[in-house]
């Protein structure tokens, strides 16, 4: 079954259908119900799917609810389903039982050139596929004759216009609506209600009829405005009942189904508006514009930037603000430089970026410009600070370019940036522009403070245990140690032993037996998410030292136990027995 309404598509398969052959008879009771915003499909009395649909256009043109069955190409056998027969279909709308206005059977085949049956075999390590292909059209499906069928298309307007088509039939068609002949295959329905559409071929050789329901359509006046003075009537998109879409500019008259409808209006750069209203009178929407994004980059480091008369904060020469759309004013000032005042028109939700270089008031100042790049990979370094005698400074933009103005003379210039070593240069600036580039070396990384963990001792014991010790961690953000033990070097499905105290640096583990190799590693986890792991060690009895040590220990214990047993028996015999 398929439920398709306003973009909602759901499918389900009756589980009882599987396994019956084409020669068997199978009866399934299907029903489709709409109530309180939910479409429910039931099979044999059990609800198998329930779909939320905010608005359901009941019997509005092609929105008629449909129940049916379909056989999809049998890939695994040669089963050929016979006749599908539908009877006693039931439907309800908001608790009210509906009478079926027509039962229509349409058959088709989508088999095409698919593999209708196939067999895979392997012969001499070579895979071979044996397949049988069947290509069927709707006219030659065995025992499934395709009767004539009236289909139609409705134009959602007032009045409603319809176009009819008779499929699976040849000859001249005469169309009638409620018993009255019409010219051609188009018709304008004058009002809401049920219409009986009849198609007659060759003076009655074929007579087909179909009931078409036309909902009550009314005209709804909709106007859209905004809170932006220069763009009071933005072009907008209106969606009615989550289904029908219209383009609106200022005011429009649109057809809607009589009653309560949902209207959603959206426009680029504006906050969307949604409203539920009865389809009467005029409906007006006032959209609120989204703020715009303004970004200003200024080379001069001591600049002040105002956007719409509001001073905004800067970061390495980049100043950002979010004013309302429209005419946006930008003011940039800095001591010793001519101010810059500019304006630009920005549409709602838009973005504006600009770059400004202030010009000095003094005509004796000389331009110094250049780039800052990475000394290893030569890519530009944005956000670097170029400072002159620790008094004036400039920033590099996204391409690593900078520019500043200074009076002629001997200058000490430095370049600094995060994660780079600072550079210092001394030069004599003459009365001519100077190009000065910097190639910055990345800072050396100090890893001496990184935690280091290692397994210090490990050996098997008593032919069924093992001993493991490791170096400890004395930092403040300790979380836990985790000891991993596995018989696989890839640590597939390992044993994990967790220690939550930083002073726990040793353990005795069981299950270490001769004839096997065990792999162990210790993991240090810190509370900030850092993870450090030791190297992997092997615990095995094949090492002659470990084997000899365990034999000596076990032998010593055996000798000791034998000696103690003999000693105790001897003392027991010498002990006098008193009457």
Protein backbone atom coordinates (compact mmCIF):
# COMPACT_ATOMS: atom_id res chain seq x y z
CA UNK A 1 0.00 0.00 0.00
CA UNK A 2 1.17 3.52 -0.75
CA UNK A 3 -0.05 6.70 0.89
CA UNK A 4 0.93 9.83 -1.00
CA UNK A 5 -0.33 13.20 0.21
CA UNK A 6 1.45 16.54 0.30
CA UNK A 7 4.83 14.87 -0.15
CA UNK A 8 4.20 12.15 2.48
CA UNK A 9 4.99 8.73 0.99
CA UNK A 10 4.91 5.55 3.04
CA UNK A 11 4.80 1.91 2.04
CA UNK A 12 4.08 -1.33 3.83
CA UNK A 13 3.84 -4.96 2.82
CA UNK A 14 1.34 -7.39 4.27
CA UNK A 15 3.57 -10.07 5.86
CA UNK A 16 0.92 -12.74 5.27
CA UNK A 17 1.29 -12.44 1.50
CA UNK A 18 4.74 -14.02 1.44
CA UNK A 19 4.85 -17.70 0.47
CA UNK A 20 1.59 -18.22 -1.38
CA UNK A 21 1.71 -19.41 -4.99
CA UNK A 22 0.00 -17.99 -8.03
CA UNK A 23 -2.50 -20.87 -8.14
CA UNK A 24 -3.68 -20.23 -4.56
CA UNK A 25 -6.45 -17.89 -3.51
CA UNK A 26 -5.56 -15.29 -0.93
CA UNK A 27 -7.96 -12.80 0.66
CA UNK A 28 -6.73 -9.66 2.44
CA UNK A 29 -9.02 -7.00 3.86
CA UNK A 30 -7.53 -3.53 3.31
CA UNK A 31 -8.89 -0.26 4.71
CA UNK A 32 -7.74 3.36 4.69
CA UNK A 33 -8.84 5.84 7.39
CA UNK A 34 -8.21 9.56 7.98
CA UNK A 35 -8.96 10.99 11.42
CA UNK A 36 -7.55 13.84 13.51
CA UNK A 37 -4.63 14.48 11.19
CA UNK A 38 -3.56 10.84 10.89
CA UNK A 39 -3.87 8.50 7.92
CA UNK A 40 -4.01 4.86 9.02
CA UNK A 41 -3.83 1.78 6.83
CA UNK A 42 -5.10 -1.54 8.15
CA UNK A 43 -4.74 -5.09 6.88
CA UNK A 44 -7.11 -7.74 8.20
CA UNK A 45 -8.13 -5.40 11.01
CA UNK A 46 -4.58 -4.69 12.22
CA UNK A 47 -3.13 -1.22 11.68
CA UNK A 48 0.20 -1.63 9.92
CA UNK A 49 1.02 2.02 9.28
CA UNK A 50 -0.08 5.37 10.65
CA UNK A 51 1.13 8.58 8.98
CA UNK A 52 0.69 12.13 10.32
CA UNK A 53 -0.69 14.41 7.58
CA UNK A 54 -1.57 17.95 8.75
CA UNK A 55 -4.02 18.58 5.91
CA UNK A 56 -5.62 15.94 3.73
CA UNK A 57 -7.50 17.09 0.63
CA UNK A 58 -10.19 14.42 0.75
CA UNK A 59 -11.39 13.48 -2.72
CA UNK A 60 -9.97 16.67 -4.22
CA UNK A 61 -9.08 15.72 -7.75
CA UNK A 62 -6.13 13.36 -7.81
CA UNK A 63 -5.82 13.52 -4.00
CA UNK A 64 -8.33 10.70 -3.62
CA UNK A 65 -7.06 8.10 -1.10
CA UNK A 66 -6.19 4.82 -2.77
CA UNK A 67 -5.71 1.25 -1.54
CA UNK A 68 -4.22 -1.41 -3.78
CA UNK A 69 -1.85 -4.30 -4.26
CA UNK A 70 1.15 -4.77 -6.49
CA UNK A 71 3.38 -7.67 -7.49
CA UNK A 72 7.01 -6.66 -8.00
CA UNK A 73 9.10 -8.80 -10.37
CA UNK A 74 9.91 -12.20 -8.85
CA UNK A 75 13.68 -12.34 -8.75
CA UNK A 76 13.97 -15.62 -6.88
CA UNK A 77 11.44 -17.88 -8.62
CA UNK A 78 9.10 -18.14 -11.59
CA UNK A 79 5.90 -17.43 -9.68
CA UNK A 80 3.32 -15.66 -11.84
CA UNK A 81 0.58 -14.06 -9.78
CA UNK A 82 -2.86 -14.45 -11.30
CA UNK A 83 -5.87 -12.20 -11.02
CA UNK A 84 -5.96 -9.56 -8.33
CA UNK A 85 -9.55 -8.86 -7.30
CA UNK A 86 -10.57 -6.03 -4.98
CA UNK A 87 -13.95 -5.93 -3.27
CA UNK A 88 -15.57 -4.51 -0.14
CA UNK A 89 -13.09 -1.63 0.08
CA UNK A 90 -13.89 0.61 3.04
CA UNK A 91 -12.91 4.18 3.85
CA UNK A 92 -13.66 6.71 6.56
CA UNK A 93 -13.05 10.45 6.88
CA UNK A 94 -12.97 11.91 10.41
CA UNK A 95 -15.15 9.06 11.66
CA UNK A 96 -17.71 9.27 8.84
CA UNK A 97 -17.96 6.21 6.62
CA UNK A 98 -17.47 6.95 2.93
CA UNK A 99 -19.20 5.21 0.07
CA UNK A 100 -16.88 4.08 -2.68
CA UNK A 101 -17.38 6.37 -5.67
CA UNK A 102 -15.74 3.93 -8.02
CA UNK A 103 -13.49 0.90 -8.24
CA UNK A 104 -10.80 1.19 -10.87
CA UNK A 105 -8.37 -1.49 -11.92
CA UNK A 106 -5.18 -0.52 -13.73
CA UNK A 107 -2.58 -3.15 -14.58
CA UNK A 108 0.96 -2.64 -15.74
CA UNK A 109 4.23 -4.48 -15.98
CA UNK A 110 7.55 -3.01 -14.94
CA UNK A 111 9.52 -6.14 -15.62
CA UNK A 112 11.27 -4.74 -18.70
CA UNK A 113 14.64 -6.41 -19.17
CA UNK A 114 15.17 -7.32 -15.54
CA UNK A 115 16.36 -10.80 -14.59
CA UNK A 116 13.02 -12.51 -14.02
CA UNK A 117 14.79 -15.63 -12.78
CA UNK A 118 18.47 -16.28 -12.26
CA UNK A 119 20.88 -18.90 -11.00
CA UNK A 120 24.44 -18.31 -9.90
CA UNK A 121 26.94 -21.18 -10.13
CA UNK A 122 30.68 -21.59 -9.62
CA UNK A 123 32.42 -23.89 -12.09
CA UNK A 124 36.14 -24.45 -11.76
CA UNK A 125 36.48 -21.34 -9.57
CA UNK A 126 34.78 -19.30 -12.30
CA UNK A 127 31.46 -17.70 -11.43
CA UNK A 128 28.81 -18.14 -14.11
CA UNK A 129 25.32 -16.65 -14.11
CA UNK A 130 22.44 -18.32 -15.92
CA UNK A 131 19.47 -16.02 -16.44
CA UNK A 132 16.13 -16.02 -18.22
CA UNK A 133 14.81 -12.68 -19.36
CA UNK A 134 11.13 -11.96 -19.97
CA UNK A 135 9.90 -8.67 -21.38
CA UNK A 136 6.18 -8.13 -20.96
CA UNK A 137 3.93 -5.22 -21.80
CA UNK A 138 0.58 -4.47 -20.22
CA UNK A 139 -1.25 -6.06 -23.14
CA UNK A 140 0.14 -9.57 -22.88
CA UNK A 141 0.16 -10.35 -19.16
CA UNK A 142 -1.55 -13.77 -18.95
CA UNK A 143 -5.06 -13.75 -17.48
CA UNK A 144 -4.84 -10.03 -16.72
CA UNK A 145 -6.90 -8.17 -19.33
CA UNK A 146 -6.61 -4.39 -19.08
CA UNK A 147 -10.00 -2.68 -19.29
CA UNK A 148 -10.50 0.90 -20.52
CA UNK A 149 -9.81 3.49 -17.82
CA UNK A 150 -10.80 7.14 -17.51
CA UNK A 151 -8.04 9.32 -16.13
CA UNK A 152 -8.24 13.05 -15.62
CA UNK A 153 -6.24 16.09 -14.67
CA UNK A 154 -7.72 19.03 -12.76
CA UNK A 155 -6.47 22.59 -12.84
CA UNK A 156 -6.65 24.01 -9.34
CA UNK A 157 -8.46 27.26 -10.15
CA UNK A 158 -11.86 28.92 -10.03
CA UNK A 159 -13.69 27.58 -11.88
CA UNK A 160 -11.97 24.21 -11.84
CA UNK A 161 -10.90 23.07 -15.32
CA UNK A 162 -10.58 19.38 -16.13
CA UNK A 163 -9.03 17.38 -18.98
CA UNK A 164 -10.08 13.75 -19.57
CA UNK A 165 -8.35 10.80 -21.20
CA UNK A 166 -9.52 7.26 -22.01
CA UNK A 167 -6.69 4.72 -21.97
CA UNK A 168 -6.61 1.13 -23.25
CA UNK A 169 -9.14 1.89 -25.98
CA UNK A 170 -9.07 2.97 -29.61
CA UNK A 171 -11.59 4.92 -31.61
CA UNK A 172 -13.38 8.24 -31.45
CA UNK A 173 -14.44 9.19 -27.93
CA UNK A 174 -17.56 11.18 -27.06
CA UNK A 175 -17.43 12.70 -23.57
CA UNK A 176 -20.42 13.48 -21.38
CA UNK A 177 -20.64 15.17 -17.98
CA UNK A 178 -23.77 14.35 -15.99
CA UNK A 179 -25.35 13.05 -19.20
CA UNK A 180 -24.65 16.18 -21.29
CA UNK A 181 -22.22 15.94 -24.22
CA UNK A 182 -19.25 18.30 -24.16
CA UNK A 183 -17.00 19.56 -26.95
CA UNK A 184 -13.63 17.82 -26.89
CA UNK A 185 -12.13 16.41 -23.72
CA UNK A 186 -11.99 19.59 -21.59
CA UNK A 187 -14.60 20.86 -19.18
CA UNK A 188 -15.02 23.70 -16.67
CA UNK A 189 -16.85 22.56 -13.56
CA UNK A 190 -19.27 25.34 -12.50
CA UNK A 191 -19.45 24.45 -8.79
CA UNK A 192 -18.43 21.95 -6.14
CA UNK A 193 -19.93 18.48 -6.05
CA UNK A 194 -19.89 15.05 -7.68
CA UNK A 195 -19.80 14.75 -11.47
CA UNK A 196 -20.42 11.64 -13.56
CA UNK A 197 -17.98 11.65 -16.48
CA UNK A 198 -18.77 9.19 -19.28
CA UNK A 199 -16.68 8.13 -22.28
CA UNK A 200 -18.46 6.47 -25.24
CA UNK A 201 -16.50 4.87 -28.10
CA UNK A 202 -17.94 3.89 -31.49
CA UNK A 203 -21.57 4.63 -30.59
CA UNK A 204 -21.61 2.61 -27.44
CA UNK A 205 -19.18 -0.20 -28.24
CA UNK A 206 -17.29 0.95 -25.16
CA UNK A 207 -18.98 2.86 -22.36
CA UNK A 208 -16.94 3.85 -19.32
CA UNK A 209 -17.93 6.21 -16.54
CA UNK A 210 -16.21 7.66 -13.51
CA UNK A 211 -17.32 9.80 -10.60
CA UNK A 212 -15.19 12.92 -10.08
CA UNK A 213 -15.47 15.03 -6.95
CA UNK A 214 -14.82 18.78 -7.20
CA UNK A 215 -14.15 20.51 -3.87
CA UNK A 216 -15.54 23.93 -2.98
CA UNK A 217 -12.95 26.42 -4.29
CA UNK A 218 -12.94 30.07 -3.21
CA UNK A 219 -10.61 32.99 -3.93
CA UNK A 220 -8.38 34.15 -1.09
CA UNK A 221 -6.75 37.60 -1.26
CA UNK A 222 -3.21 37.54 0.16
CA UNK A 223 -0.86 40.51 0.54
CA UNK A 224 2.76 40.47 1.73
CA UNK A 225 4.69 43.43 3.16
CA UNK A 226 7.93 43.82 5.11
CA UNK A 227 9.41 45.99 7.85
CA UNK A 228 12.08 47.31 5.47
CA UNK A 229 11.24 50.74 4.12
CA UNK A 230 12.96 50.42 0.75
CA UNK A 231 11.59 46.92 0.09
CA UNK A 232 8.03 46.94 1.41
CA UNK A 233 6.77 44.24 -0.96
CA UNK A 234 9.41 41.52 -1.35
CA UNK A 235 8.77 38.70 -3.85
CA UNK A 236 7.57 35.79 -1.75
CA UNK A 237 6.60 32.15 -1.93
CA UNK A 238 3.24 31.10 -0.46
CA UNK A 239 2.47 27.48 0.42
CA UNK A 240 -1.15 26.61 1.15
CA UNK A 241 -1.90 23.53 3.24
CA UNK A 242 1.68 22.26 2.89
CA UNK A 243 0.87 21.34 -0.70
CA UNK A 244 0.12 24.16 -3.15
CA UNK A 245 2.80 26.73 -3.94
CA UNK A 246 2.25 30.23 -5.33
CA UNK A 247 4.53 33.13 -6.16
CA UNK A 248 3.35 36.42 -4.63
CA UNK A 249 4.50 39.97 -5.21
CA UNK A 250 2.64 42.50 -3.07
CA UNK A 251 -0.93 41.21 -3.39
CA UNK A 252 -2.42 38.18 -5.12
CA UNK A 253 -5.74 36.39 -5.40
CA UNK A 254 -5.32 32.64 -5.15
CA UNK A 255 -7.75 29.71 -5.20
CA UNK A 256 -8.05 27.68 -1.99
CA UNK A 257 -10.41 25.03 -0.65
CA UNK A 258 -13.20 26.58 1.37
CA UNK A 259 -12.72 26.27 5.11
CA UNK A 260 -9.69 26.57 7.40
CA UNK A 261 -6.33 26.53 5.65
CA UNK A 262 -2.70 26.86 6.61
CA UNK A 263 -0.69 29.61 4.90
CA UNK A 264 3.13 29.79 5.00
CA UNK A 265 5.00 32.73 3.47
CA UNK A 266 8.76 32.84 2.92
CA UNK A 267 11.12 35.20 1.14
CA UNK A 268 14.95 35.19 0.92
CA UNK A 269 16.40 37.29 3.73
CA UNK A 270 13.20 37.38 5.79
CA UNK A 271 11.91 35.32 8.69
CA UNK A 272 9.11 33.02 7.46
CA UNK A 273 5.55 33.50 8.66
CA UNK A 274 2.89 30.82 9.09
CA UNK A 275 -0.78 31.22 9.94
CA UNK A 276 -3.98 29.17 10.02
CA UNK A 277 -7.01 31.10 8.83
CA UNK A 278 -10.46 30.64 7.34
CA UNK A 279 -10.66 31.31 3.63
CA UNK A 280 -12.63 34.54 3.93
CA UNK A 281 -11.69 38.20 3.53
CA UNK A 282 -8.15 39.49 3.07
CA UNK A 283 -5.05 37.91 4.56
CA UNK A 284 -2.03 40.15 5.16
CA UNK A 285 1.51 39.13 6.13
CA UNK A 286 4.28 41.44 7.36
CA UNK A 287 7.67 39.77 7.08
CA UNK A 288 10.55 40.69 9.40
CA UNK A 289 13.92 41.14 7.71
CA UNK A 290 16.96 39.18 8.87
CA UNK A 291 20.05 41.17 9.94
CA UNK A 292 22.90 41.57 7.47
CA UNK A 293 26.57 40.75 7.99
CA UNK A 294 29.14 43.53 7.52
CA UNK A 295 32.88 42.84 7.74
CA UNK A 296 35.49 45.61 7.41
CA UNK A 297 39.23 44.98 7.30
CA UNK A 298 41.46 47.96 8.15
CA UNK A 299 45.24 47.85 7.74
CA UNK A 300 45.92 50.51 10.38
CA UNK A 301 46.14 48.84 13.77
CA UNK A 302 44.83 51.74 15.87
CA UNK A 303 41.67 52.30 13.84
CA UNK A 304 38.13 52.72 15.18
CA UNK A 305 35.21 51.38 13.12
CA UNK A 306 31.58 52.40 13.50
CA UNK A 307 28.73 50.66 11.68
CA UNK A 308 25.41 52.51 11.79
CA UNK A 309 26.97 54.78 14.46
CA UNK A 310 27.77 51.78 16.66
CA UNK A 311 31.44 51.12 17.51
CA UNK A 312 32.27 47.49 16.76
CA UNK A 313 35.11 45.38 18.15
CA UNK A 314 38.04 44.33 15.99
CA UNK A 315 40.28 41.28 15.87
CA UNK A 316 43.62 41.58 14.04
CA UNK A 317 42.22 44.32 11.81
CA UNK A 318 38.85 42.64 11.12
CA UNK A 319 35.71 44.41 12.39
CA UNK A 320 32.25 42.80 12.16
CA UNK A 321 28.70 43.99 12.75
CA UNK A 322 25.12 42.82 12.16
CA UNK A 323 22.93 45.85 11.42
CA UNK A 324 19.46 45.79 9.91
CA UNK A 325 19.27 45.77 6.09
CA UNK A 326 18.97 48.85 3.97
CA UNK A 327 21.41 51.74 3.70
CA UNK A 328 24.35 50.85 5.97
CA UNK A 329 26.84 53.58 6.99
CA UNK A 330 30.46 52.76 7.79
CA UNK A 331 32.88 55.18 9.47
CA UNK A 332 36.62 54.42 9.95
CA UNK A 333 39.01 56.72 11.85
CA UNK A 334 42.57 56.58 13.22
CA UNK A 335 44.88 59.23 14.76
CA UNK A 336 46.96 60.96 12.07
CA UNK A 337 44.85 59.65 9.15
CA UNK A 338 42.02 61.00 7.08
CA UNK A 339 38.70 59.35 8.05
CA UNK A 340 36.71 57.23 5.61
CA UNK A 341 32.92 57.48 5.42
CA UNK A 342 30.96 55.24 3.11
CA UNK A 343 27.50 53.75 2.69
CA UNK A 344 26.13 50.74 0.89
CA UNK A 345 22.70 49.19 0.38
CA UNK A 346 22.46 45.62 1.64
CA UNK A 347 19.47 43.38 1.04
CA UNK A 348 17.94 41.44 3.96
CA UNK A 349 20.10 38.49 4.99
CA UNK A 350 22.93 39.72 2.76
CA UNK A 351 26.66 39.85 3.39
CA UNK A 352 29.03 42.76 2.71
CA UNK A 353 32.83 42.73 2.97
CA UNK A 354 35.25 45.56 2.32
CA UNK A 355 38.92 46.46 2.89
CA UNK A 356 40.07 49.96 3.81
CA UNK A 357 43.50 51.59 3.90
CA UNK A 358 43.49 55.00 5.54
CA UNK A 359 45.58 57.76 3.98
CA UNK A 360 47.89 59.84 6.24
CA UNK A 361 47.19 63.51 6.84
CA UNK A 362 50.90 64.36 6.58
CA UNK A 363 52.16 64.39 2.98
CA UNK A 364 55.71 63.57 4.11
CA UNK A 365 54.88 60.06 5.22
CA UNK A 366 56.09 57.20 3.00
CA UNK A 367 54.31 53.92 2.16
CA UNK A 368 55.83 50.63 3.39
CA UNK A 369 54.13 47.52 2.03
CA UNK A 370 54.82 43.82 1.60
CA UNK A 371 53.76 40.29 2.47
CA UNK A 372 54.24 37.89 5.37
CA UNK A 373 54.56 34.20 4.51
CA UNK A 374 55.43 30.86 6.12
CA UNK A 375 59.16 30.12 5.76
CA UNK A 376 58.60 26.38 5.29
CA UNK A 377 55.56 26.14 3.00
CA UNK A 378 55.42 29.74 1.65
CA UNK A 379 51.69 30.18 2.29
CA UNK A 380 50.48 33.62 3.46
CA UNK A 381 50.18 34.38 7.18
CA UNK A 382 47.03 36.44 7.86
CA UNK A 383 46.59 38.39 11.08
CA UNK A 384 50.31 39.11 11.52
CA UNK A 385 51.28 42.38 13.22
CA UNK A 386 53.87 44.67 11.59
CA UNK A 387 55.10 47.12 14.20
CA UNK A 388 57.38 50.16 13.76
CA UNK A 389 59.42 51.10 16.84
CA UNK A 390 56.55 49.79 18.99
CA UNK A 391 54.54 52.92 18.16
CA UNK A 392 52.50 52.31 15.00
CA UNK A 393 51.47 49.01 13.51
CA UNK A 394 49.55 47.33 10.70
CA UNK A 395 47.85 43.95 10.17
CA UNK A 396 48.12 41.53 7.28
CA UNK A 397 44.93 40.63 5.42
CA UNK A 398 43.83 37.17 4.28
CA UNK A 399 46.49 37.15 1.55
CA UNK A 400 49.30 38.05 3.96
CA UNK A 401 49.57 41.61 2.54
CA UNK A 402 50.14 44.67 4.77
CA UNK A 403 50.70 48.39 4.28
CA UNK A 404 51.61 51.24 6.63
CA UNK A 405 52.92 54.83 6.45
CA UNK A 406 55.97 56.21 8.27
CA UNK A 407 58.18 59.33 8.22
CA UNK A 408 61.61 58.89 6.56
CA UNK A 409 64.47 57.91 8.82
CA UNK A 410 65.99 54.94 10.62
CA UNK A 411 63.26 52.47 11.60
CA UNK A 412 63.09 49.30 13.68
CA UNK A 413 60.39 47.07 12.20
CA UNK A 414 59.15 43.76 13.65
CA UNK A 415 56.74 41.11 12.41
CA UNK A 416 54.93 38.79 14.84
CA UNK A 417 52.19 36.18 14.57
CA UNK A 418 50.82 33.35 16.64
CA UNK A 419 52.85 30.11 16.37
CA UNK A 420 55.75 31.91 14.63
CA UNK A 421 59.08 33.32 15.73
CA UNK A 422 59.11 37.11 15.60
CA UNK A 423 61.38 38.83 13.09
CA UNK A 424 63.20 42.15 13.53
CA UNK A 425 64.69 44.41 10.87
CA UNK A 426 66.41 47.80 10.97
CA UNK A 427 66.37 49.98 7.85
CA UNK A 428 66.66 53.51 6.59
CA UNK A 429 63.45 54.76 4.99
CA UNK A 430 63.97 57.30 2.23
CA UNK A 431 61.44 59.47 0.38
CA UNK A 432 60.21 56.60 -1.79
CA UNK A 433 57.78 53.72 -1.22
CA UNK A 434 59.46 50.60 0.17
CA UNK A 435 58.58 46.92 -0.44
CA UNK A 436 59.47 44.82 2.60
CA UNK A 437 58.59 41.12 2.87
CA UNK A 438 58.87 38.77 5.86
CA UNK A 439 59.36 35.00 5.82
CA UNK A 440 58.46 33.70 9.27
CA UNK A 441 59.77 30.50 10.83
CA UNK A 442 57.28 28.36 12.81
CA UNK A 443 57.93 28.01 16.51
CA UNK A 444 59.72 24.90 17.72
CA UNK A 445 57.37 22.47 19.46
CA UNK A 446 58.40 21.39 22.94
CA UNK A 447 57.15 17.88 23.65
CA UNK A 448 59.26 17.24 26.76
CA UNK A 449 56.20 17.78 28.96
CA UNK A 450 54.17 15.08 27.22
CA UNK A 451 53.35 12.11 29.48
CA UNK A 452 55.36 8.96 28.85
CA UNK A 453 54.15 5.55 29.94
CA UNK A 454 55.85 2.20 29.50
CA UNK A 455 55.57 -1.37 30.79
CA UNK A 456 58.62 -1.89 33.03
CA UNK A 457 58.28 -5.57 33.98
CA UNK A 458 56.24 -8.47 32.68
CA UNK A 459 56.58 -12.24 33.14
CA UNK A 460 54.40 -15.37 33.54
CA UNK A 461 54.01 -16.91 36.99
CA UNK A 462 53.05 -20.36 38.27
CA UNK A 463 51.95 -21.50 34.77
CA UNK A 464 48.53 -19.81 35.08
CA UNK A 465 49.24 -16.19 36.06
CA UNK A 466 51.24 -13.19 34.89
CA UNK A 467 52.79 -10.12 36.50
CA UNK A 468 52.78 -6.68 34.80
CA UNK A 469 54.22 -3.40 36.16
CA UNK A 470 54.35 0.00 34.47
CA UNK A 471 55.65 3.52 35.00
CA UNK A 472 53.32 5.86 36.90
CA UNK A 473 51.87 9.28 36.07
CA UNK A 474 52.02 12.15 38.58
CA UNK A 475 50.06 14.83 36.68
CA UNK A 476 46.94 16.59 37.94
CA UNK A 477 44.49 15.52 35.24
CA UNK A 478 44.78 11.76 35.66
CA UNK A 479 41.69 9.76 34.69
CA UNK A 480 42.63 6.06 34.56
CA UNK A 481 45.01 3.35 33.44
CA UNK A 482 43.72 0.59 31.16
CA UNK A 483 45.64 -2.67 30.74
CA UNK A 484 44.82 -4.54 27.51
CA UNK A 485 45.55 -8.30 27.30
CA UNK A 486 44.97 -10.32 24.12
CA UNK A 487 46.20 -13.45 22.32
CA UNK A 488 46.02 -11.46 19.06
CA UNK A 489 48.67 -8.83 18.20
CA UNK A 490 45.85 -6.69 16.75
CA UNK A 491 44.12 -6.85 20.16
CA UNK A 492 40.90 -8.27 18.76
CA UNK A 493 38.37 -8.75 21.57
CA UNK A 494 40.90 -8.02 24.37
CA UNK A 495 40.56 -8.25 28.13
CA UNK A 496 40.58 -4.76 29.63
CA UNK A 497 41.48 -4.09 33.27
CA UNK A 498 40.87 -0.53 34.52
CA UNK A 499 42.74 1.21 37.38
CA UNK A 500 41.36 4.51 38.68
CA UNK A 501 44.22 5.36 41.07
CA UNK A 502 47.43 6.93 39.73
CA UNK A 503 49.43 4.97 42.32
CA UNK A 504 48.31 1.63 40.85
CA UNK A 505 51.33 0.61 38.79
CA UNK A 506 51.28 -3.21 39.00
CA UNK A 507 48.89 -6.12 38.84
CA UNK A 508 48.71 -9.90 38.74
CA UNK A 509 46.54 -11.31 35.98
CA UNK A 510 45.12 -14.81 35.72
CA UNK A 511 44.64 -17.00 32.67
CA UNK A 512 48.27 -16.95 31.42
CA UNK A 513 48.92 -20.56 30.38
CA UNK A 514 51.86 -22.37 28.73
CA UNK A 515 51.65 -22.96 25.00
CA UNK A 516 50.15 -19.52 24.28
CA UNK A 517 51.49 -16.06 23.55
CA UNK A 518 49.83 -13.08 25.24
CA UNK A 519 50.17 -9.42 24.16
CA UNK A 520 49.91 -6.58 26.67
CA UNK A 521 49.85 -2.78 26.51
CA UNK A 522 49.02 -0.09 29.06
CA UNK A 523 46.97 3.00 28.16
CA UNK A 524 46.99 6.26 30.12
CA UNK A 525 43.84 8.38 29.84
CA UNK A 526 43.70 12.00 31.04
CA UNK A 527 40.56 13.89 32.03
CA UNK A 528 40.97 16.38 29.15
CA UNK A 529 40.66 13.58 26.59
CA UNK A 530 44.36 12.93 25.97
CA UNK A 531 45.35 9.28 25.46
CA UNK A 532 48.87 7.83 25.67
CA UNK A 533 49.83 4.21 25.05
CA UNK A 534 52.90 2.15 25.82
CA UNK A 535 54.61 -0.21 23.43
CA UNK A 536 53.26 -3.76 23.12
CA UNK A 537 55.01 -6.58 25.02
CA UNK A 538 54.69 -10.37 24.71
CA UNK A 539 54.14 -12.60 27.74
CA UNK A 540 55.08 -16.22 27.01
CA UNK A 541 56.71 -19.28 28.64
CA UNK A 542 59.01 -19.85 25.63
CA UNK A 543 61.65 -17.62 27.19
CA UNK A 544 64.11 -20.05 28.88
CA UNK A 545 64.67 -17.64 31.75
CA UNK A 546 60.96 -17.36 32.55
CA UNK A 547 60.46 -21.11 32.06
CA UNK A 548 63.42 -22.00 34.31
CA UNK A 549 62.33 -19.48 36.91
CA UNK A 550 58.80 -20.90 37.07
CA UNK A 551 60.10 -24.51 37.16
CA UNK A 552 62.46 -23.54 39.99
CA UNK A 553 59.70 -21.78 41.90
CA UNK A 554 57.21 -24.60 41.45
CA UNK A 555 59.92 -27.22 42.22
CA UNK A 556 60.99 -25.31 45.32
CA UNK A 557 57.43 -25.12 46.52
CA UNK A 558 56.96 -28.85 45.84
CA UNK A 559 60.17 -29.71 47.77
CA UNK A 560 59.15 -27.46 50.62
CA UNK A 561 55.68 -29.02 50.80
CA UNK A 562 57.17 -32.56 50.70
CA UNK A 563 59.65 -31.68 53.49
CA UNK A 564 56.97 -30.13 55.64
CA UNK A 565 54.69 -33.12 55.09
CA UNK A 566 57.42 -35.59 56.13
CA UNK A 567 58.33 -33.44 59.13
CA UNK A 568 54.72 -33.25 60.33
CA UNK A 569 54.18 -36.98 59.90
CA UNK A 570 57.36 -37.70 61.90
CA UNK A 571 56.27 -35.45 64.76
CA UNK A 572 52.81 -36.98 64.73
CA UNK A 573 54.32 -40.48 65.18
CA UNK A 574 56.50 -39.31 68.10
CA UNK A 575 53.69 -37.62 69.93
CA UNK A 576 52.76 -39.80 73.06
CA UNK A 577 49.21 -40.95 73.40
CA UNK A 578 47.83 -40.63 76.95
CA UNK A 579 45.15 -42.93 78.26
